[in-house]
Amino acid sequence: MKFSVILALYGNSIFAIEQLNSILKQSHPVDEIVVLVDRGPKINEGVLDLLESVKNLKFLYNINNLGPAVTFELAAKFSTG
């Protein structure tokens, strides 16, 4: 069984680093993390640095602001687990 985690971000999400660190520290490792950024304010550089260091990560970006529900649905479509 393959485990995927989807994470929808909006711009400068203040909890993104905490969320990613929590995902990475789980006792059962995930096979992939799908991060979809909804168009908005610029993403915090600390978040980008952490994203670049994560293996098995798919990073996607909406060119239009679609809102949280649609963003999560899209991220789920890109996951394989």
C-alpha atoms as a PDB file:
ATOM      1  CA  MET A   1       0.000   0.000   0.000  1.00  0.00           C
ATOM      2  CA  LYS A   2       1.280   3.429  -0.948  1.00  0.00           C
ATOM      3  CA  PHE A   3       0.794   6.435   1.359  1.00  0.00           C
ATOM      4  CA  SER A   4       0.467   9.963   0.026  1.00  0.00           C
ATOM      5  CA  VAL A   5      -0.012  13.210   1.908  1.00  0.00           C
ATOM      6  CA  ILE A   6      -1.529  16.234   0.236  1.00  0.00           C
ATOM      7  CA  LEU A   7      -0.892  19.741   1.449  1.00  0.00           C
ATOM      8  CA  ALA A   8      -2.576  22.839   0.084  1.00  0.00           C
ATOM      9  CA  LEU A   9      -0.812  26.128   0.745  1.00  0.00           C
ATOM     10  CA  TYR A  10      -1.872  29.705   0.241  1.00  0.00           C
ATOM     11  CA  GLY A  11       1.050  32.059  -0.117  1.00  0.00           C
ATOM     12  CA  ASN A  12       2.853  32.800   3.105  1.00  0.00           C
ATOM     13  CA  SER A  13       1.194  30.041   5.127  1.00  0.00           C
ATOM     14  CA  ILE A  14       2.590  30.520   8.630  1.00  0.00           C
ATOM     15  CA  PHE A  15       2.019  26.874   9.520  1.00  0.00           C
ATOM     16  CA  ALA A  16       3.558  25.299   6.393  1.00  0.00           C
ATOM     17  CA  ILE A  17       6.968  24.554   7.930  1.00  0.00           C
ATOM     18  CA  GLU A  18       5.342  23.085  11.041  1.00  0.00           C
ATOM     19  CA  GLN A  19       3.020  20.951   8.876  1.00  0.00           C
ATOM     20  CA  LEU A  20       5.854  19.666   6.684  1.00  0.00           C
ATOM     21  CA  ASN A  21       8.062  18.859   9.667  1.00  0.00           C
ATOM     22  CA  SER A  22       5.184  16.984  11.287  1.00  0.00           C
ATOM     23  CA  ILE A  23       4.605  14.952   8.115  1.00  0.00           C
ATOM     24  CA  LEU A  24       8.308  14.101   7.858  1.00  0.00           C
ATOM     25  CA  LYS A  25       8.478  12.963  11.514  1.00  0.00           C
ATOM     26  CA  GLN A  26       5.605  10.457  11.320  1.00  0.00           C
ATOM     27  CA  SER A  27       6.383   6.923  12.487  1.00  0.00           C
ATOM     28  CA  HIS A  28       5.157   5.528   9.165  1.00  0.00           C
ATOM     29  CA  PRO A  29       7.056   7.164   6.304  1.00  0.00           C
ATOM     30  CA  VAL A  30       5.014   8.563   3.451  1.00  0.00           C
ATOM     31  CA  ASP A  31       5.722   7.560  -0.130  1.00  0.00           C
ATOM     32  CA  GLU A  32       4.998  10.993  -1.538  1.00  0.00           C
ATOM     33  CA  ILE A  33       3.969  14.471  -0.510  1.00  0.00           C
ATOM     34  CA  VAL A  34       1.927  16.515  -2.948  1.00  0.00           C
ATOM     35  CA  VAL A  35       2.078  20.253  -2.268  1.00  0.00           C
ATOM     36  CA  LEU A  36      -0.240  22.489  -4.251  1.00  0.00           C
ATOM     37  CA  VAL A  37       0.080  26.230  -3.782  1.00  0.00           C
ATOM     38  CA  ASP A  38      -3.033  28.258  -4.470  1.00  0.00           C
ATOM     39  CA  ARG A  39      -2.157  31.521  -6.175  1.00  0.00           C
ATOM     40  CA  GLY A  40      -1.657  34.236  -3.623  1.00  0.00           C
ATOM     41  CA  PRO A  41       1.106  36.109  -1.826  1.00  0.00           C
ATOM     42  CA  LYS A  42       4.707  35.041  -2.361  1.00  0.00           C
ATOM     43  CA  ILE A  43       5.721  31.854  -0.545  1.00  0.00           C
ATOM     44  CA  ASN A  44       8.042  32.231   2.428  1.00  0.00           C
ATOM     45  CA  GLU A  45      11.655  31.348   1.530  1.00  0.00           C
ATOM     46  CA  GLY A  46      11.926  29.082   4.571  1.00  0.00           C
ATOM     47  CA  VAL A  47       9.044  27.046   3.191  1.00  0.00           C
ATOM     48  CA  LEU A  48      10.699  26.868  -0.247  1.00  0.00           C
ATOM     49  CA  ASP A  49      14.005  25.759   1.300  1.00  0.00           C
ATOM     50  CA  LEU A  50      12.266  22.981   3.208  1.00  0.00           C
ATOM     51  CA  LEU A  51      10.309  21.886   0.123  1.00  0.00           C
ATOM     52  CA  GLU A  52      13.510  21.644  -1.903  1.00  0.00           C
ATOM     53  CA  SER A  53      15.054  19.335   0.698  1.00  0.00           C
ATOM     54  CA  VAL A  54      12.169  16.834   0.745  1.00  0.00           C
ATOM     55  CA  LYS A  55      12.440  13.651  -1.310  1.00  0.00           C
ATOM     56  CA  ASN A  56       9.391  12.253  -3.123  1.00  0.00           C
ATOM     57  CA  LEU A  57       7.706  15.640  -3.246  1.00  0.00           C
ATOM     58  CA  LYS A  58       5.497  16.926  -6.044  1.00  0.00           C
ATOM     59  CA  PHE A  59       5.294  20.709  -6.037  1.00  0.00           C
ATOM     60  CA  LEU A  60       2.455  22.282  -8.011  1.00  0.00           C
ATOM     61  CA  TYR A  61       1.187  25.836  -8.348  1.00  0.00           C
ATOM     62  CA  ASN A  62      -2.265  27.133  -9.327  1.00  0.00           C
ATOM     63  CA  ILE A  63      -2.073  30.082 -11.707  1.00  0.00           C
ATOM     64  CA  ASN A  64      -5.483  31.228 -10.436  1.00  0.00           C
ATOM     65  CA  ASN A  65      -6.749  31.418  -6.876  1.00  0.00           C
ATOM     66  CA  LEU A  66      -9.147  28.447  -6.711  1.00  0.00           C
ATOM     67  CA  GLY A  67      -9.841  28.300  -2.977  1.00  0.00           C
ATOM     68  CA  PRO A  68      -9.045  25.545  -0.478  1.00  0.00           C
ATOM     69  CA  ALA A  69     -11.628  22.920  -1.502  1.00  0.00           C
ATOM     70  CA  VAL A  70     -10.737  22.908  -5.202  1.00  0.00           C
ATOM     71  CA  THR A  71      -7.024  23.070  -4.393  1.00  0.00           C
ATOM     72  CA  PHE A  72      -7.253  19.959  -2.186  1.00  0.00           C
ATOM     73  CA  GLU A  73      -9.255  18.147  -4.875  1.00  0.00           C
ATOM     74  CA  LEU A  74      -6.628  18.964  -7.493  1.00  0.00           C
ATOM     75  CA  ALA A  75      -3.791  17.875  -5.208  1.00  0.00           C
ATOM     76  CA  ALA A  76      -5.572  14.557  -4.602  1.00  0.00           C
ATOM     77  CA  LYS A  77      -5.753  13.972  -8.363  1.00  0.00           C
ATOM     78  CA  PHE A  78      -1.963  14.300  -8.588  1.00  0.00           C
ATOM     79  CA  SER A  79      -1.334  11.835  -5.755  1.00  0.00           C
ATOM     80  CA  THR A  80      -0.650   8.184  -6.451  1.00  0.00           C
ATOM     81  CA  GLY A  81      -1.306   6.717  -3.008  1.00  0.00           C
END
